[in-house]
N, C-alpha and C. Protein backbone atom coordinates (compact mmCIF):
# COMPACT_ATOMS: atom_id res chain seq x y z
N MET A 1 -16.84 4.34 -32.32
CA MET A 1 -16.53 5.28 -31.26
C MET A 1 -16.48 4.64 -29.91
N THR A 2 -15.34 4.91 -29.16
CA THR A 2 -15.14 4.25 -27.90
C THR A 2 -15.90 5.05 -26.87
N PRO A 3 -16.44 4.37 -25.87
CA PRO A 3 -17.19 5.04 -24.80
C PRO A 3 -16.23 5.91 -23.91
N THR A 4 -16.77 6.99 -23.41
CA THR A 4 -15.95 7.84 -22.46
C THR A 4 -15.90 7.17 -21.16
N PRO A 5 -14.70 7.05 -20.59
CA PRO A 5 -14.59 6.33 -19.30
C PRO A 5 -15.27 7.14 -18.22
N ASP A 6 -15.89 6.48 -17.25
CA ASP A 6 -16.54 7.07 -16.09
C ASP A 6 -15.37 7.28 -15.14
N PHE A 7 -14.86 8.53 -15.08
CA PHE A 7 -13.69 8.74 -14.16
C PHE A 7 -13.99 8.55 -12.71
N ALA A 8 -15.22 8.87 -12.25
CA ALA A 8 -15.54 8.62 -10.88
C ALA A 8 -15.51 7.10 -10.53
N ASP A 9 -16.06 6.32 -11.49
CA ASP A 9 -15.97 4.86 -11.27
C ASP A 9 -14.51 4.42 -11.29
N LEU A 10 -13.69 4.88 -12.26
CA LEU A 10 -12.31 4.52 -12.31
C LEU A 10 -11.51 4.92 -10.97
N GLU A 11 -11.89 6.09 -10.51
CA GLU A 11 -11.22 6.55 -9.29
C GLU A 11 -11.61 5.66 -8.09
N GLN A 12 -12.89 5.30 -7.96
CA GLN A 12 -13.37 4.43 -6.94
C GLN A 12 -12.70 3.02 -6.96
N ARG A 13 -12.63 2.52 -8.16
CA ARG A 13 -12.01 1.15 -8.36
C ARG A 13 -10.55 1.27 -8.00
N THR A 14 -9.85 2.33 -8.38
CA THR A 14 -8.46 2.47 -8.04
C THR A 14 -8.20 2.54 -6.51
N LEU A 15 -9.01 3.45 -5.87
CA LEU A 15 -8.91 3.51 -4.49
C LEU A 15 -9.30 2.18 -3.74
N ALA A 16 -10.25 1.47 -4.19
CA ALA A 16 -10.57 0.24 -3.65
C ALA A 16 -9.51 -0.76 -3.79
N THR A 17 -8.82 -0.75 -4.97
CA THR A 17 -7.69 -1.71 -5.16
C THR A 17 -6.54 -1.29 -4.33
N GLU A 18 -6.26 -0.02 -4.07
CA GLU A 18 -5.21 0.43 -3.19
C GLU A 18 -5.47 0.00 -1.72
N ARG A 19 -6.75 0.04 -1.34
CA ARG A 19 -7.13 -0.27 0.03
C ARG A 19 -7.02 -1.80 0.18
N LEU A 20 -7.40 -2.56 -0.81
CA LEU A 20 -7.29 -3.99 -0.74
C LEU A 20 -5.84 -4.40 -0.59
N LEU A 21 -4.99 -3.84 -1.46
CA LEU A 21 -3.57 -4.15 -1.39
C LEU A 21 -2.92 -3.82 -0.11
N GLY A 22 -3.30 -2.62 0.51
CA GLY A 22 -2.83 -2.19 1.83
C GLY A 22 -3.20 -3.14 2.85
N THR A 23 -4.43 -3.63 2.82
CA THR A 23 -4.92 -4.57 3.84
C THR A 23 -4.19 -5.91 3.69
N LEU A 24 -4.02 -6.36 2.42
CA LEU A 24 -3.22 -7.60 2.20
C LEU A 24 -1.79 -7.49 2.66
N ILE A 25 -1.17 -6.38 2.45
CA ILE A 25 0.25 -6.16 3.00
C ILE A 25 0.22 -6.16 4.45
N ALA A 26 -0.77 -5.56 5.10
CA ALA A 26 -0.83 -5.46 6.50
C ALA A 26 -0.97 -6.89 7.09
N LEU A 27 -1.77 -7.65 6.53
CA LEU A 27 -1.98 -9.07 7.03
C LEU A 27 -0.79 -9.91 6.86
N LEU A 28 -0.14 -9.81 5.66
CA LEU A 28 0.99 -10.59 5.38
C LEU A 28 2.19 -10.15 6.23
N SER A 29 2.34 -8.83 6.40
CA SER A 29 3.45 -8.36 7.20
C SER A 29 3.30 -8.73 8.66
N ALA A 30 2.04 -8.84 9.14
CA ALA A 30 1.83 -9.33 10.54
C ALA A 30 2.40 -10.79 10.72
N ARG A 31 2.29 -11.51 9.66
CA ARG A 31 2.87 -12.91 9.70
C ARG A 31 4.36 -12.99 9.45
N ASP A 32 4.85 -12.01 8.62
CA ASP A 32 6.28 -12.00 8.30
C ASP A 32 6.76 -10.53 8.25
N PRO A 33 7.23 -10.01 9.42
CA PRO A 33 7.64 -8.56 9.44
C PRO A 33 8.72 -8.19 8.37
N ARG A 34 9.44 -9.20 7.88
CA ARG A 34 10.50 -8.89 6.87
C ARG A 34 9.88 -8.54 5.54
N LEU A 35 8.61 -8.78 5.37
CA LEU A 35 7.92 -8.48 4.12
C LEU A 35 7.98 -6.97 3.83
N LEU A 36 7.82 -6.16 4.84
CA LEU A 36 7.89 -4.66 4.68
C LEU A 36 9.26 -4.21 4.26
N GLU A 37 10.25 -4.83 4.80
CA GLU A 37 11.65 -4.50 4.45
C GLU A 37 11.93 -4.82 2.97
N GLY A 38 11.49 -6.00 2.57
CA GLY A 38 11.61 -6.42 1.18
C GLY A 38 10.92 -5.46 0.19
N LEU A 39 9.64 -5.11 0.54
CA LEU A 39 8.92 -4.20 -0.29
C LEU A 39 9.60 -2.82 -0.34
N GLN A 40 10.05 -2.38 0.81
CA GLN A 40 10.76 -1.09 0.87
C GLN A 40 11.94 -1.08 -0.05
N ALA A 41 12.75 -2.13 -0.04
CA ALA A 41 13.92 -2.30 -0.85
C ALA A 41 13.57 -2.22 -2.41
N VAL A 42 12.53 -2.93 -2.75
CA VAL A 42 12.09 -2.87 -4.09
C VAL A 42 11.64 -1.50 -4.55
N PHE A 43 10.76 -0.85 -3.78
CA PHE A 43 10.19 0.44 -4.22
C PHE A 43 11.16 1.63 -4.02
N ALA A 44 12.21 1.32 -3.24
CA ALA A 44 13.19 2.47 -3.02
C ALA A 44 14.29 2.37 -4.13
N ASN A 45 14.28 1.27 -4.92
CA ASN A 45 15.33 1.10 -5.91
C ASN A 45 15.05 2.07 -7.09
N PRO A 46 15.95 2.94 -7.47
CA PRO A 46 15.71 3.92 -8.53
C PRO A 46 15.34 3.18 -9.89
N ASP A 47 15.88 1.97 -10.14
CA ASP A 47 15.55 1.35 -11.38
C ASP A 47 14.12 0.98 -11.50
N PHE A 48 13.52 0.65 -10.35
CA PHE A 48 12.13 0.23 -10.33
C PHE A 48 11.20 1.45 -10.77
N ALA A 49 11.58 2.63 -10.34
CA ALA A 49 10.81 3.84 -10.53
C ALA A 49 11.31 4.60 -11.80
N SER A 50 11.86 3.85 -12.75
CA SER A 50 12.40 4.48 -13.94
C SER A 50 11.39 4.82 -15.06
N ASP A 51 10.15 4.45 -14.84
CA ASP A 51 9.12 4.80 -15.85
C ASP A 51 7.86 5.27 -15.10
N ASP A 52 6.84 5.72 -15.87
CA ASP A 52 5.64 6.29 -15.23
C ASP A 52 4.93 5.28 -14.33
N ALA A 53 4.85 4.03 -14.78
CA ALA A 53 4.19 3.01 -13.94
C ALA A 53 5.00 2.69 -12.67
N GLY A 54 6.33 2.68 -12.79
CA GLY A 54 7.18 2.40 -11.57
C GLY A 54 7.06 3.57 -10.58
N ARG A 55 7.01 4.81 -11.10
CA ARG A 55 6.91 5.96 -10.26
C ARG A 55 5.58 6.00 -9.58
N ALA A 56 4.50 5.67 -10.30
CA ALA A 56 3.19 5.58 -9.77
C ALA A 56 3.11 4.47 -8.65
N ALA A 57 3.72 3.30 -8.91
CA ALA A 57 3.78 2.25 -7.88
C ALA A 57 4.52 2.66 -6.68
N SER A 58 5.66 3.31 -6.82
CA SER A 58 6.41 3.80 -5.70
C SER A 58 5.70 4.79 -4.88
N GLU A 59 4.88 5.67 -5.54
CA GLU A 59 4.16 6.66 -4.79
C GLU A 59 3.03 5.89 -4.03
N THR A 60 2.37 5.00 -4.66
CA THR A 60 1.33 4.20 -3.94
C THR A 60 1.92 3.53 -2.73
N TRP A 61 3.17 2.90 -2.93
CA TRP A 61 3.77 2.25 -1.79
C TRP A 61 4.02 3.19 -0.66
N ARG A 62 4.49 4.41 -0.98
CA ARG A 62 4.70 5.41 0.06
C ARG A 62 3.49 5.69 0.84
N ARG A 63 2.38 5.81 0.18
CA ARG A 63 1.07 6.05 0.89
C ARG A 63 0.76 4.82 1.71
N ILE A 64 0.79 3.60 1.13
CA ILE A 64 0.39 2.45 1.92
C ILE A 64 1.34 2.34 3.05
N ARG A 65 2.58 2.48 2.96
CA ARG A 65 3.56 2.34 4.03
C ARG A 65 3.26 3.38 5.10
N SER A 66 2.95 4.62 4.76
CA SER A 66 2.60 5.60 5.72
C SER A 66 1.32 5.19 6.53
N GLU A 67 0.31 4.69 5.79
CA GLU A 67 -0.86 4.26 6.47
C GLU A 67 -0.60 2.99 7.39
N LEU A 68 0.28 2.08 6.92
CA LEU A 68 0.68 1.03 7.79
C LEU A 68 1.35 1.49 9.08
N MET A 69 2.26 2.41 8.95
CA MET A 69 3.00 3.02 10.14
C MET A 69 2.01 3.62 11.05
N ASP A 70 1.08 4.40 10.53
CA ASP A 70 0.00 5.14 11.28
C ASP A 70 -0.85 4.05 12.16
N THR A 71 -1.24 3.00 11.38
CA THR A 71 -2.10 1.98 12.04
C THR A 71 -1.25 1.22 13.11
N SER A 72 -0.04 0.93 12.78
CA SER A 72 0.82 0.25 13.77
C SER A 72 0.97 1.13 14.96
N GLY A 73 1.19 2.40 14.79
CA GLY A 73 1.41 3.25 15.99
C GLY A 73 0.08 3.36 16.78
N LEU A 74 -0.99 3.39 16.10
CA LEU A 74 -2.28 3.42 16.86
C LEU A 74 -2.52 2.14 17.68
N ILE A 75 -2.24 1.04 17.06
CA ILE A 75 -2.42 -0.32 17.73
C ILE A 75 -1.44 -0.35 18.96
N LYS A 76 -0.21 0.15 18.80
CA LYS A 76 0.75 0.15 19.91
C LYS A 76 0.30 1.05 21.04
N SER A 77 -0.28 2.20 20.67
CA SER A 77 -0.71 3.19 21.69
C SER A 77 -1.95 2.72 22.40
N LEU A 78 -2.71 1.77 21.81
CA LEU A 78 -3.87 1.19 22.43
C LEU A 78 -3.51 -0.04 23.28
N GLY A 79 -2.27 -0.48 23.25
CA GLY A 79 -1.83 -1.61 24.06
C GLY A 79 -1.85 -2.84 23.24
N GLY A 80 -1.87 -2.79 22.00
CA GLY A 80 -1.91 -4.01 21.10
C GLY A 80 -3.30 -4.52 20.85
N LEU A 81 -3.44 -5.64 20.19
CA LEU A 81 -4.67 -6.28 19.88
C LEU A 81 -4.95 -7.35 20.97
N SER A 82 -6.11 -7.39 21.50
CA SER A 82 -6.47 -8.46 22.47
C SER A 82 -6.50 -9.81 21.72
N GLY A 83 -6.04 -10.85 22.40
CA GLY A 83 -6.12 -12.15 21.80
C GLY A 83 -4.77 -12.60 21.05
N ASN A 84 -3.92 -11.66 20.97
CA ASN A 84 -2.60 -11.93 20.31
C ASN A 84 -1.54 -12.12 21.33
């Protein structure tokens, strides 16, 4: 008999992974702003989202992109980061 998954643990690990990926994308896109354009092109492609995993990835990308836009707007409204 297989153990019942702990859905709370699975949810937390999934959210942690999404946060980690969002942070990684933010850091990399600060170094290369074209990265966001490339990711957008991939995730907007209907062929990419042709199965359940692709649709889930595209939805995750939309959330991460929205968070990146919100963070960017906040940074700009505060006058940018000091030291840059």
